[in-house]
Amino acid sequence: MDETVVAMDRISELPTFIIHHIMSYLSAKEVARTSVLSKKWNQLYVSFPILDFDQNYFFPGASRLDYGSFCVRKQNYSFSETVKKFMDFVDASLVRFCKLKFCIQKFRLFLTFLDVKGSAPIVDRWIRLAVENGVRELDFENITDENTVYTLPQAIFSANSVTNLRLVWCRLEQPFDSIMLRSLKKLTLERVCLDEQMVQKLASECPLLEDLCFSNCWGLKHLCVSKASKLKIMEIRSFSEEIEIVEISVPSLQQLTLLFYGARRPRVVEVARSPHLKKLDLVSVYFADNEFNHLISKFPSLEDLFVTRCCLPGKIKISSNQLKNLLFRSCKYLKAIDVDAPNLLLFTYEFNPIPIISINVPCPWKVSFVCKGVLNTHWYLKLKKFLGVSKQIESLKLSLYSTKVLYNLDELSECSPSLPLQVENLELHTNVPLSDYETLLDCVFWICHPRTLRVNVMFEEDHKFITWLSDQLWIRDVNCCNSHPIKCWRHYLNDLKTENFLLVNDQIFLDVDNLMDGWTTRTRGVSEFHLDWCVPVLDGKS
């Protein structure tokens, strides 16, 4: 017993800074619980330099009090009393720590106060105390009514020691003097009200700023960022329609994310040449005429290019020896692409129209297509031509939803007498009439021979299809098309090695044979088949 007590006590004998480092991996609640272990642990808790004050901790069973739930409870007396206890706790804890004359490593404050006028002086005092005690990371979030947004005190602009500053749901007004955030490296502004001059001042007067993020801020029509000599990472995320013009002139930039939602996107997006930019992520950006090609040409060092839900009219042309990852997703106006990227490591093309393509990318492809409406010969021919450009289709996802099927295998074979493509993984989603199952499977396997076939089983129609498919893959009748130079898929399927079913809820694989006894229309998961194909040839021999 004595040896056990001694062993447990050894942690308490470690240097304070080591114990504090260990405590930094615990949650605020867990850190608070250590204070009851002993007098020494209470002292360690009091001197712990990470001050995390979250109003939600004072409401049992609530993981996060959002604005809506606060509005519902604000008139409740016990709720008001709990809020007061929280404020008293923050005030006492902060004052007690500041008396120790230690620097604050991190100060996090999450509030849901609607009484901004009454609370502002107290919150101002907390922020001032944190700044005066050398806070290095400051994370402030105050969920309120947008009509009564809390305005940060001027003390925030003199936080010389702050390296990481995150502000959520508040207002930044012009400082009386210069900004003194001389150590600031990362600045994140979410739902912050500020004007264009404030943006310019932050960018130009924070000499060490490397990471800058605007997320759904308001008060800006013209967002211009320049004179940020060390800025490497920048994100602009806007869910409003306020921003009309975005101008970025930062030669040192290495990563840039532009994400816009809403019916009206910025009519002007201008980015100056950035010779060091390596990663560009574009979401819902509008490009007219040749603007996209012109933009990409400004980044000779670009390695990662991700384009999602952007308006890309006309032909996209990319030529780069540096590009490593290229993604196009949900760009519904994309018509043609010309890519010369001999060092590309991965090409991802998802949920776009099937384009005319000219591409030099000797790397694996990940491809997804959706066809809603009429499934016809023209669509399948375009798909096969597109996929035929690559010799490394790593994964292909086809979502085929149609009540009308206007094609047959003989027609496809006549129009394009080429061999099926070899594909590593095919994921098939389908909702066609039962009478068209066979035709659909013939056409899919006319395009490609997948080594792994996955079919999602979520609805009653999926159960019908997977049951039919499981039977069909075992049929070995190959007397159907001996006279054709390229025969149907049954001639080339050597074996069905294994069948597995991944249950969605349990995330475990089951043998299909063992699953069938308990199979119901409520069973959800992914059915997986491993297929062994022989390589077809064009001389009539298989």
Protein backbone atom coordinates (compact mmCIF):
# COMPACT_ATOMS: atom_id res chain seq x y z
CA MET A 1 0.00 0.00 0.00
CA ASP A 2 2.81 2.40 0.95
CA GLU A 3 4.65 1.68 -2.32
CA THR A 4 1.50 2.52 -4.28
CA VAL A 5 1.12 5.86 -2.49
CA VAL A 6 4.79 6.72 -3.14
CA ALA A 7 4.41 5.79 -6.82
CA MET A 8 1.35 8.03 -7.16
CA ASP A 9 3.15 10.91 -5.41
CA ARG A 10 6.06 10.96 -7.86
CA ILE A 11 4.04 12.99 -10.37
CA SER A 12 3.58 15.75 -7.78
CA GLU A 13 7.36 15.98 -7.41
CA LEU A 14 7.92 16.83 -11.06
CA PRO A 15 8.88 20.43 -11.91
CA THR A 16 5.89 22.73 -12.17
CA PHE A 17 6.39 23.53 -15.85
CA ILE A 18 6.33 19.80 -16.70
CA ILE A 19 3.10 19.25 -14.75
CA HIS A 20 1.56 22.27 -16.46
CA HIS A 21 2.58 20.82 -19.81
CA ILE A 22 0.86 17.54 -18.92
CA MET A 23 -2.24 19.45 -17.79
CA SER A 24 -2.37 21.26 -21.15
CA TYR A 25 -3.57 18.00 -22.74
CA LEU A 26 -6.58 17.84 -20.37
CA SER A 27 -9.94 19.54 -20.79
CA ALA A 28 -10.79 22.55 -18.62
CA LYS A 29 -13.08 20.39 -16.48
CA GLU A 30 -10.38 17.76 -15.97
CA VAL A 31 -7.84 20.41 -15.01
CA ALA A 32 -10.29 21.85 -12.46
CA ARG A 33 -10.76 18.41 -10.88
CA THR A 34 -7.04 18.13 -10.14
CA SER A 35 -7.36 20.99 -7.62
CA VAL A 36 -9.05 18.70 -5.07
CA LEU A 37 -6.24 16.12 -5.02
CA SER A 38 -4.07 18.00 -2.53
CA LYS A 39 -2.90 21.47 -1.54
CA LYS A 40 -0.02 21.23 -4.00
CA TRP A 41 -2.33 20.26 -6.83
CA ASN A 42 -4.60 23.16 -5.93
CA GLN A 43 -1.59 25.48 -6.22
CA LEU A 44 -0.70 23.91 -9.55
CA TYR A 45 -4.25 24.47 -10.75
CA VAL A 46 -4.28 28.11 -9.63
CA SER A 47 -0.98 28.76 -11.43
CA PHE A 48 -1.94 26.84 -14.59
CA PRO A 49 -1.31 29.38 -17.41
CA ILE A 50 -4.12 28.15 -19.69
CA LEU A 51 -7.34 29.92 -18.66
CA ASP A 52 -10.32 28.33 -20.41
CA PHE A 53 -13.69 29.88 -19.49
CA ASP A 54 -16.68 28.45 -21.33
CA GLN A 55 -20.18 29.37 -20.22
CA ASN A 56 -21.41 25.94 -21.32
CA TYR A 57 -19.42 24.30 -18.52
CA PHE A 58 -21.87 25.82 -16.06
CA PHE A 59 -24.93 24.22 -17.66
CA PRO A 60 -25.09 20.44 -16.96
CA GLY A 61 -25.92 18.35 -20.00
CA ALA A 62 -25.32 21.17 -22.48
CA SER A 63 -22.43 20.58 -24.85
CA ARG A 64 -22.82 24.04 -26.37
CA LEU A 65 -25.29 26.86 -25.74
CA ASP A 66 -26.05 28.47 -29.06
CA TYR A 67 -27.81 31.78 -29.57
CA GLY A 68 -31.23 30.17 -30.02
CA SER A 69 -31.13 28.18 -26.80
CA PHE A 70 -29.92 31.23 -24.91
CA CYS A 71 -32.92 33.25 -26.14
CA VAL A 72 -35.25 30.55 -24.85
CA ARG A 73 -33.65 30.41 -21.40
CA LYS A 74 -32.65 34.01 -20.77
CA GLN A 75 -35.86 34.85 -18.86
CA ASN A 76 -35.43 31.87 -16.57
CA TYR A 77 -34.31 32.91 -13.08
CA SER A 78 -32.08 29.89 -12.45
CA PHE A 79 -30.45 30.47 -15.82
CA SER A 80 -29.70 34.09 -14.96
CA GLU A 81 -28.27 33.02 -11.61
CA THR A 82 -26.02 30.50 -13.32
CA VAL A 83 -24.76 33.16 -15.72
CA LYS A 84 -23.94 35.40 -12.75
CA LYS A 85 -22.06 32.55 -11.04
CA PHE A 86 -20.09 32.01 -14.23
CA MET A 87 -19.12 35.68 -14.44
CA ASP A 88 -18.09 35.73 -10.79
CA PHE A 89 -16.01 32.59 -11.33
CA VAL A 90 -14.19 34.10 -14.33
CA ASP A 91 -13.56 37.34 -12.49
CA ALA A 92 -12.19 35.67 -9.35
CA SER A 93 -10.07 33.14 -11.27
CA LEU A 94 -8.53 35.76 -13.54
CA VAL A 95 -7.76 38.19 -10.72
CA ARG A 96 -6.25 35.39 -8.61
CA PHE A 97 -3.98 34.28 -11.46
CA CYS A 98 -2.89 37.83 -12.31
CA LYS A 99 -1.77 38.38 -8.71
CA LEU A 100 0.82 35.63 -9.24
CA LYS A 101 2.52 37.84 -11.87
CA PHE A 102 2.73 34.92 -14.32
CA CYS A 103 2.30 35.24 -18.06
CA ILE A 104 -0.92 33.78 -19.50
CA GLN A 105 -0.16 31.17 -22.11
CA LYS A 106 -3.74 30.96 -23.42
CA PHE A 107 -6.93 32.84 -22.53
CA ARG A 108 -10.16 31.41 -24.00
CA LEU A 109 -13.53 33.00 -23.29
CA PHE A 110 -16.85 31.75 -24.68
CA LEU A 111 -19.95 33.74 -23.74
CA THR A 112 -23.63 33.95 -24.69
CA PHE A 113 -24.65 37.34 -23.34
CA LEU A 114 -27.39 39.45 -24.85
CA ASP A 115 -26.95 42.21 -22.28
CA VAL A 116 -23.97 43.70 -24.06
CA LYS A 117 -24.22 47.13 -22.43
CA GLY A 118 -24.33 45.70 -18.92
CA SER A 119 -21.62 43.09 -19.49
CA ALA A 120 -19.21 45.12 -21.64
CA PRO A 121 -17.27 46.83 -18.81
CA ILE A 122 -16.62 43.49 -17.10
CA VAL A 123 -15.52 41.75 -20.33
CA ASP A 124 -13.36 44.79 -21.20
CA ARG A 125 -11.63 44.38 -17.85
CA TRP A 126 -10.98 40.66 -18.43
CA ILE A 127 -9.40 41.30 -21.81
CA ARG A 128 -7.31 44.16 -20.44
CA LEU A 129 -6.03 41.95 -17.59
CA ALA A 130 -5.12 39.19 -20.05
CA VAL A 131 -3.21 41.67 -22.26
CA GLU A 132 -1.40 43.20 -19.29
CA ASN A 133 -0.30 39.72 -18.16
CA GLY A 134 1.39 38.84 -21.44
CA VAL A 135 -1.24 36.55 -22.96
CA ARG A 136 0.13 34.64 -25.95
CA GLU A 137 -3.03 33.03 -27.34
CA LEU A 138 -6.35 34.81 -27.07
CA ASP A 139 -9.58 33.13 -28.17
CA PHE A 140 -12.73 35.21 -27.69
CA GLU A 141 -16.28 34.27 -28.74
CA ASN A 142 -19.44 36.07 -27.71
CA ILE A 143 -22.71 34.90 -29.29
CA THR A 144 -25.19 37.76 -29.23
CA ASP A 145 -27.88 39.47 -31.25
CA GLU A 146 -26.30 41.07 -34.34
CA ASN A 147 -27.96 44.37 -33.40
CA THR A 148 -26.08 44.51 -30.09
CA VAL A 149 -22.64 43.20 -31.01
CA TYR A 150 -19.92 43.57 -28.38
CA THR A 151 -17.16 46.02 -29.35
CA LEU A 152 -13.68 44.93 -28.34
CA PRO A 153 -11.75 47.36 -26.12
CA GLN A 154 -8.79 49.34 -27.43
CA ALA A 155 -6.54 47.22 -25.19
CA ILE A 156 -6.72 44.44 -27.77
CA PHE A 157 -4.55 46.49 -30.16
CA SER A 158 -1.71 46.76 -27.64
CA ALA A 159 -1.37 43.01 -26.99
CA ASN A 160 2.36 42.90 -27.74
CA SER A 161 2.79 39.30 -26.62
CA VAL A 162 -0.16 37.74 -28.52
CA THR A 163 0.95 35.32 -31.24
CA ASN A 164 -2.45 33.73 -31.97
CA LEU A 165 -5.67 35.78 -31.93
CA ARG A 166 -9.15 34.38 -32.67
CA LEU A 167 -12.18 36.67 -32.47
CA VAL A 168 -15.76 35.52 -33.05
CA TRP A 169 -19.00 37.52 -33.17
CA CYS A 170 -17.79 40.96 -32.14
CA ARG A 171 -16.89 44.38 -33.55
CA LEU A 172 -13.46 45.86 -34.28
CA GLU A 173 -13.38 49.63 -34.42
CA GLN A 174 -10.53 51.84 -35.59
CA PRO A 175 -7.81 52.17 -32.91
CA PHE A 176 -6.91 55.58 -31.53
CA ASP A 177 -3.25 54.95 -32.31
CA SER A 178 -1.10 52.44 -34.17
CA ILE A 179 -1.71 48.72 -33.77
CA MET A 180 0.92 47.18 -31.49
CA LEU A 181 0.38 43.49 -32.24
CA ARG A 182 4.09 43.03 -32.88
CA SER A 183 4.20 39.28 -32.09
CA LEU A 184 0.99 38.29 -33.88
CA LYS A 185 1.47 35.41 -36.31
CA LYS A 186 -2.06 34.03 -36.72
CA LEU A 187 -5.27 36.08 -36.87
CA THR A 188 -8.73 34.50 -37.28
CA LEU A 189 -11.81 36.69 -37.58
CA GLU A 190 -15.22 34.96 -37.65
CA ARG A 191 -18.48 36.93 -37.84
CA VAL A 192 -16.58 40.07 -36.99
CA CYS A 193 -17.85 43.49 -38.00
CA LEU A 194 -15.04 45.65 -39.41
CA ASP A 195 -14.44 48.07 -42.28
CA GLU A 196 -11.97 48.15 -45.16
CA GLN A 197 -9.58 50.53 -43.39
CA MET A 198 -9.43 48.16 -40.41
CA VAL A 199 -8.42 45.29 -42.70
CA GLN A 200 -5.63 47.34 -44.26
CA LYS A 201 -4.39 48.44 -40.85
CA LEU A 202 -4.26 44.88 -39.51
CA ALA A 203 -2.42 43.60 -42.59
CA SER A 204 0.14 46.39 -42.70
CA GLU A 205 0.81 46.96 -38.97
CA CYS A 206 1.29 43.37 -37.80
CA PRO A 207 4.87 42.79 -39.00
CA LEU A 208 5.04 39.04 -38.18
CA LEU A 209 1.58 38.06 -39.46
CA GLU A 210 1.76 34.74 -41.33
CA ASP A 211 -1.78 33.32 -41.19
CA LEU A 212 -4.92 35.43 -41.81
CA CYS A 213 -8.52 34.19 -41.97
CA PHE A 214 -11.77 36.09 -42.61
CA SER A 215 -14.85 33.91 -42.09
CA ASN A 216 -18.30 35.37 -42.73
CA CYS A 217 -17.33 38.85 -41.58
CA TRP A 218 -19.57 41.80 -42.38
CA GLY A 219 -19.15 45.51 -43.03
CA LEU A 220 -16.95 44.88 -46.07
CA LYS A 221 -17.74 45.54 -49.74
CA HIS A 222 -14.18 45.89 -50.94
CA LEU A 223 -11.78 43.46 -49.25
CA CYS A 224 -8.23 44.42 -50.05
CA VAL A 225 -5.18 42.83 -48.44
CA SER A 226 -1.71 44.14 -49.22
CA LYS A 227 1.48 45.25 -47.47
CA ALA A 228 1.55 42.04 -45.42
CA SER A 229 5.18 41.24 -46.07
CA LYS A 230 5.33 37.88 -44.24
CA LEU A 231 1.81 36.55 -44.88
CA LYS A 232 1.93 32.90 -45.97
CA ILE A 233 -1.59 31.53 -45.42
CA MET A 234 -4.82 33.37 -46.19
CA GLU A 235 -8.48 32.31 -46.13
CA ILE A 236 -11.54 34.29 -47.13
CA ARG A 237 -14.84 32.54 -46.37
CA SER A 238 -18.02 34.49 -46.99
CA PHE A 239 -21.62 33.33 -46.64
CA SER A 240 -23.11 36.78 -47.19
CA GLU A 241 -23.53 38.86 -50.33
CA GLU A 242 -21.76 41.96 -49.08
CA ILE A 243 -18.33 41.50 -50.61
CA GLU A 244 -18.24 42.81 -54.17
CA ILE A 245 -14.50 43.08 -54.80
CA VAL A 246 -11.59 40.98 -53.50
CA GLU A 247 -8.04 42.18 -54.14
CA ILE A 248 -4.99 40.37 -52.81
CA SER A 249 -1.47 41.61 -53.40
CA VAL A 250 0.82 39.49 -51.22
CA PRO A 251 3.94 38.16 -52.98
CA SER A 252 4.93 36.02 -49.95
CA LEU A 253 1.65 34.03 -50.03
CA GLN A 254 1.99 30.21 -50.00
CA GLN A 255 -1.61 29.04 -49.40
CA LEU A 256 -4.83 30.75 -50.46
CA THR A 257 -8.47 29.70 -49.90
CA LEU A 258 -11.37 31.63 -51.44
CA LEU A 259 -14.81 30.33 -50.49
CA PHE A 260 -18.03 32.14 -51.33
CA TYR A 261 -21.67 31.17 -50.85
CA GLY A 262 -24.83 33.03 -51.71
CA ALA A 263 -26.59 34.10 -54.87
CA ARG A 264 -24.27 37.05 -55.50
CA ARG A 265 -20.57 36.33 -55.44
CA PRO A 266 -17.80 38.95 -55.74
CA ARG A 267 -17.85 40.38 -59.25
CA VAL A 268 -14.09 40.98 -59.11
CA VAL A 269 -11.49 38.58 -57.70
CA GLU A 270 -8.01 39.88 -58.38
CA VAL A 271 -4.90 38.17 -57.03
CA ALA A 272 -1.48 39.56 -57.84
CA ARG A 273 1.35 37.32 -58.92
CA SER A 274 2.54 35.14 -56.03
CA PRO A 275 5.67 33.23 -57.05
CA HIS A 276 5.68 31.15 -53.83
CA LEU A 277 2.01 30.06 -53.80
CA LYS A 278 1.83 26.27 -53.46
CA LYS A 279 -1.81 25.61 -52.56
CA LEU A 280 -4.94 27.23 -54.05
CA ASP A 281 -8.46 26.24 -52.95
CA LEU A 282 -11.34 27.88 -54.85
CA VAL A 283 -14.99 27.35 -53.86
CA SER A 284 -17.91 29.06 -55.61
CA VAL A 285 -15.79 31.66 -57.39
CA TYR A 286 -17.14 33.15 -60.62
CA PHE A 287 -14.76 33.33 -63.58
CA ALA A 288 -15.67 34.97 -66.89
CA ASP A 289 -14.03 34.25 -70.22
CA ASN A 290 -10.31 33.52 -69.72
CA GLU A 291 -10.04 34.74 -66.11
CA PHE A 292 -9.35 31.32 -64.58
CA ASN A 293 -6.49 30.51 -66.95
CA HIS A 294 -5.04 33.98 -66.37
CA LEU A 295 -5.22 33.51 -62.58
CA ILE A 296 -3.49 30.12 -62.58
CA SER A 297 -0.66 31.45 -64.75
CA LYS A 298 0.36 33.77 -61.87
CA PHE A 299 1.43 30.88 -59.64
CA PRO A 300 4.44 29.09 -61.15
CA SER A 301 5.13 27.10 -57.94
CA LEU A 302 1.57 25.79 -57.51
CA GLU A 303 1.46 22.19 -56.24
CA ASP A 304 -2.16 21.73 -55.06
CA LEU A 305 -5.14 23.12 -56.98
CA PHE A 306 -8.69 22.43 -55.76
CA VAL A 307 -11.65 23.87 -57.69
CA THR A 308 -15.16 23.30 -56.29
CA ARG A 309 -18.54 24.64 -57.48
CA CYS A 310 -16.88 27.35 -59.53
CA CYS A 311 -18.26 28.89 -62.69
CA LEU A 312 -15.72 27.87 -65.33
CA PRO A 313 -17.00 28.73 -68.80
CA GLY A 314 -15.15 27.61 -71.89
CA LYS A 315 -11.89 25.66 -71.89
CA ILE A 316 -9.61 25.24 -68.89
CA LYS A 317 -5.91 25.08 -69.70
CA ILE A 318 -3.26 24.19 -67.13
CA SER A 319 0.42 23.62 -67.84
CA SER A 320 2.73 23.00 -64.89
CA ASN A 321 5.72 20.85 -63.98
CA GLN A 322 5.19 21.60 -60.27
CA LEU A 323 1.53 20.55 -59.89
CA LYS A 324 1.05 17.48 -57.65
CA ASN A 325 -2.70 17.40 -56.87
CA LEU A 326 -5.54 18.60 -59.10
CA LEU A 327 -9.25 18.48 -58.21
CA PHE A 328 -12.36 19.65 -60.05
CA ARG A 329 -15.66 19.10 -58.21
CA SER A 330 -19.24 20.13 -59.05
CA CYS A 331 -18.31 22.71 -61.71
CA LYS A 332 -21.47 22.34 -63.77
CA TYR A 333 -20.41 24.57 -66.70
CA LEU A 334 -17.07 22.89 -67.33
CA LYS A 335 -16.89 21.89 -71.01
CA ALA A 336 -13.26 21.14 -71.89
CA ILE A 337 -9.98 20.73 -70.08
CA ASP A 338 -6.42 20.69 -71.33
CA VAL A 339 -3.90 19.69 -68.67
CA ASP A 340 -0.18 19.16 -69.07
CA ALA A 341 1.19 18.20 -65.65
CA PRO A 342 3.75 15.41 -66.03
CA ASN A 343 4.56 15.31 -62.29
CA LEU A 344 0.95 15.15 -61.05
CA LEU A 345 0.41 12.57 -58.28
CA LEU A 346 -3.42 12.53 -58.21
CA PHE A 347 -6.18 13.77 -60.52
CA THR A 348 -9.68 13.99 -58.99
CA TYR A 349 -12.69 14.77 -61.18
CA GLU A 350 -16.04 14.56 -59.39
CA PHE A 351 -19.64 15.45 -60.25
CA ASN A 352 -18.83 17.63 -63.25
CA PRO A 353 -20.14 17.22 -66.81
CA ILE A 354 -18.18 14.81 -68.98
CA PRO A 355 -15.78 17.16 -70.80
CA ILE A 356 -13.70 17.05 -73.91
CA ILE A 357 -10.30 16.25 -72.50
CA SER A 358 -6.67 16.50 -73.51
CA ILE A 359 -4.43 15.53 -70.65
CA ASN A 360 -0.88 14.52 -69.89
CA VAL A 361 -0.98 13.28 -66.30
CA PRO A 362 0.63 9.86 -65.76
CA CYS A 363 -0.96 9.35 -62.33
CA PRO A 364 -4.00 7.66 -60.74
CA TRP A 365 -7.44 9.17 -61.34
CA LYS A 366 -10.40 9.40 -58.97
CA VAL A 367 -13.55 10.01 -60.98
CA SER A 368 -17.24 10.44 -60.12
CA PHE A 369 -20.17 11.08 -62.44
CA VAL A 370 -23.89 11.50 -61.92
CA CYS A 371 -26.49 10.98 -64.63
CA LYS A 372 -30.06 12.00 -63.89
CA GLY A 373 -32.65 11.70 -66.62
CA VAL A 374 -32.20 9.71 -69.80
CA LEU A 375 -29.38 7.17 -69.96
CA ASN A 376 -28.50 6.89 -73.63
CA THR A 377 -25.76 5.72 -75.95
CA HIS A 378 -24.25 9.19 -76.31
CA TRP A 379 -23.66 9.50 -72.54
CA TYR A 380 -21.91 6.12 -72.27
CA LEU A 381 -19.75 6.82 -75.33
CA LYS A 382 -18.62 10.16 -73.86
CA LEU A 383 -17.83 8.49 -70.54
CA LYS A 384 -15.76 5.72 -72.12
CA LYS A 385 -13.85 8.21 -74.27
CA PHE A 386 -13.08 10.36 -71.22
CA LEU A 387 -11.89 7.43 -69.09
CA GLY A 388 -9.92 5.97 -71.99
CA VAL A 389 -7.43 8.82 -71.80
CA SER A 390 -6.09 7.38 -68.53
CA LYS A 391 -4.45 4.04 -67.85
CA GLN A 392 -4.75 4.36 -64.06
CA ILE A 393 -8.35 4.74 -62.94
CA GLU A 394 -7.93 4.21 -59.20
CA SER A 395 -11.58 4.73 -58.38
CA LEU A 396 -14.73 5.34 -60.43
CA LYS A 397 -18.06 6.29 -58.91
CA LEU A 398 -21.21 6.16 -61.06
CA SER A 399 -24.56 7.40 -59.78
CA LEU A 400 -27.15 6.45 -62.40
CA TYR A 401 -30.72 7.56 -61.78
CA SER A 402 -33.15 7.10 -64.64
CA THR A 403 -36.66 5.91 -65.40
CA LYS A 404 -35.91 5.76 -69.11
CA VAL A 405 -33.13 3.69 -70.71
CA LEU A 406 -32.37 4.34 -74.38
CA TYR A 407 -29.38 2.17 -75.26
CA ASN A 408 -28.30 -1.42 -75.78
CA LEU A 409 -25.01 -3.27 -75.84
CA ASP A 410 -24.97 -3.96 -79.58
CA GLU A 411 -25.38 -0.28 -80.32
CA LEU A 412 -22.54 0.67 -78.01
CA SER A 413 -20.24 -2.00 -79.45
CA GLU A 414 -20.82 -0.79 -82.98
CA CYS A 415 -20.14 2.82 -82.10
CA SER A 416 -17.00 2.09 -80.08
CA PRO A 417 -15.45 -1.35 -80.66
CA SER A 418 -12.75 -0.87 -77.99
CA LEU A 419 -11.77 -3.00 -75.02
CA PRO A 420 -13.14 -2.33 -71.51
CA LEU A 421 -10.89 -0.31 -69.22
CA GLN A 422 -9.19 -1.80 -66.19
CA VAL A 423 -10.39 -0.03 -63.02
CA GLU A 424 -9.25 -0.66 -59.46
CA ASN A 425 -12.49 0.32 -57.69
CA LEU A 426 -15.99 0.95 -58.99
CA GLU A 427 -18.71 2.32 -56.73
CA LEU A 428 -22.15 1.98 -58.29
CA HIS A 429 -25.32 3.80 -57.24
CA THR A 430 -28.36 3.09 -59.35
CA ASN A 431 -32.09 3.53 -59.44
CA VAL A 432 -33.38 2.12 -62.72
CA PRO A 433 -36.38 -0.15 -63.36
CA LEU A 434 -35.91 -3.85 -62.61
CA SER A 435 -36.36 -4.64 -66.32
CA ASP A 436 -33.23 -2.57 -67.12
CA TYR A 437 -30.87 -4.14 -64.59
CA GLU A 438 -29.25 -6.46 -67.11
CA THR A 439 -28.78 -3.78 -69.75
CA LEU A 440 -27.26 -1.40 -67.20
CA LEU A 441 -24.79 -4.01 -65.93
CA ASP A 442 -23.80 -4.96 -69.49
CA CYS A 443 -23.08 -1.34 -70.35
CA VAL A 444 -21.17 -0.59 -67.13
CA PHE A 445 -18.94 -3.65 -67.69
CA TRP A 446 -18.62 -2.73 -71.36
CA ILE A 447 -16.93 0.47 -70.15
CA CYS A 448 -14.74 -1.04 -67.45
CA HIS A 449 -13.73 -4.19 -65.60
CA PRO A 450 -13.35 -3.27 -61.90
CA ARG A 451 -11.27 -5.34 -59.52
CA THR A 452 -13.51 -4.24 -56.66
CA LEU A 453 -17.19 -3.44 -57.08
CA ARG A 454 -19.08 -1.64 -54.30
CA VAL A 455 -22.82 -1.05 -54.23
CA ASN A 456 -24.51 1.06 -51.56
CA VAL A 457 -27.51 -0.62 -49.95
CA MET A 458 -29.69 2.02 -48.33
CA PHE A 459 -33.23 1.71 -49.73
CA GLU A 460 -35.60 -1.04 -50.77
CA GLU A 461 -34.66 -0.68 -54.47
CA ASP A 462 -30.99 -1.14 -53.55
CA HIS A 463 -31.82 -4.45 -51.84
CA LYS A 464 -33.56 -5.65 -54.99
CA PHE A 465 -30.61 -4.68 -57.15
CA ILE A 466 -27.93 -6.21 -54.91
CA THR A 467 -29.87 -9.47 -54.63
CA TRP A 468 -30.17 -9.63 -58.41
CA LEU A 469 -26.51 -8.66 -58.88
CA SER A 470 -25.25 -11.34 -56.47
CA ASP A 471 -26.99 -14.00 -58.56
CA GLN A 472 -25.89 -12.60 -61.93
CA LEU A 473 -22.19 -12.47 -61.12
CA TRP A 474 -22.17 -16.23 -60.53
CA ILE A 475 -23.75 -17.13 -63.90
CA ARG A 476 -21.17 -18.61 -66.25
CA ASP A 477 -23.20 -19.10 -69.46
CA VAL A 478 -20.83 -17.89 -72.20
CA ASN A 479 -22.65 -19.04 -75.34
CA CYS A 480 -24.16 -15.61 -75.93
CA CYS A 481 -21.75 -13.76 -78.23
CA ASN A 482 -19.03 -16.06 -79.57
CA SER A 483 -19.12 -14.45 -83.00
CA HIS A 484 -18.26 -10.97 -81.68
CA PRO A 485 -14.60 -9.87 -81.55
CA ILE A 486 -15.24 -8.25 -78.16
CA LYS A 487 -17.56 -10.34 -76.08
CA CYS A 488 -19.72 -9.45 -73.11
CA TRP A 489 -18.32 -9.34 -69.58
CA ARG A 490 -19.33 -12.95 -68.73
CA HIS A 491 -16.57 -14.25 -71.03
CA TYR A 492 -13.89 -12.35 -69.11
CA LEU A 493 -14.94 -12.77 -65.48
CA ASN A 494 -12.80 -15.61 -64.18
CA ASP A 495 -13.93 -15.68 -60.61
CA LEU A 496 -15.79 -13.89 -57.86
CA LYS A 497 -13.26 -14.22 -55.09
CA THR A 498 -15.07 -12.83 -52.07
CA GLU A 499 -18.23 -10.99 -51.16
CA ASN A 500 -18.38 -8.73 -48.13
CA PHE A 501 -20.99 -6.45 -46.64
CA LEU A 502 -19.97 -3.44 -44.58
CA LEU A 503 -22.64 -2.50 -42.08
CA VAL A 504 -22.98 1.29 -41.92
CA ASN A 505 -23.73 1.52 -38.19
CA ASP A 506 -21.26 -1.12 -36.99
CA GLN A 507 -18.46 -0.38 -39.49
CA ILE A 508 -17.59 -4.09 -39.75
CA PHE A 509 -17.37 -6.42 -42.72
CA LEU A 510 -19.57 -9.51 -42.88
CA ASP A 511 -19.63 -12.45 -45.23
CA VAL A 512 -22.61 -12.06 -47.57
CA ASP A 513 -23.51 -15.73 -47.06
CA ASN A 514 -23.74 -15.19 -43.30
CA LEU A 515 -25.71 -11.99 -43.76
CA MET A 516 -28.50 -13.34 -45.96
CA ASP A 517 -30.30 -15.06 -43.07
CA GLY A 518 -30.82 -11.74 -41.31
CA TRP A 519 -31.24 -9.63 -44.47
CA THR A 520 -34.09 -7.11 -44.21
CA THR A 521 -35.09 -3.96 -46.07
CA ARG A 522 -33.71 -2.02 -43.10
CA THR A 523 -30.20 -3.38 -43.50
CA ARG A 524 -27.86 -0.49 -44.40
CA GLY A 525 -24.35 -0.78 -45.73
CA VAL A 526 -22.07 -1.35 -48.67
CA SER A 527 -21.90 -4.62 -50.55
CA GLU A 528 -18.42 -5.37 -51.85
CA PHE A 529 -17.39 -7.83 -54.57
CA HIS A 530 -13.81 -8.73 -55.52
CA LEU A 531 -13.68 -9.66 -59.20
CA ASP A 532 -10.96 -11.57 -61.05
CA TRP A 533 -10.88 -10.75 -64.77
CA CYS A 534 -8.85 -12.16 -67.61
CA VAL A 535 -7.50 -9.59 -70.07
CA PRO A 536 -9.65 -9.49 -73.26
CA VAL A 537 -7.95 -9.46 -76.67
CA LEU A 538 -9.19 -8.40 -80.08
CA ASP A 539 -8.40 -11.57 -82.05
CA GLY A 540 -11.54 -13.41 -80.98
CA LYS A 541 -9.78 -15.44 -78.28
CA SER A 542 -10.31 -14.94 -74.60
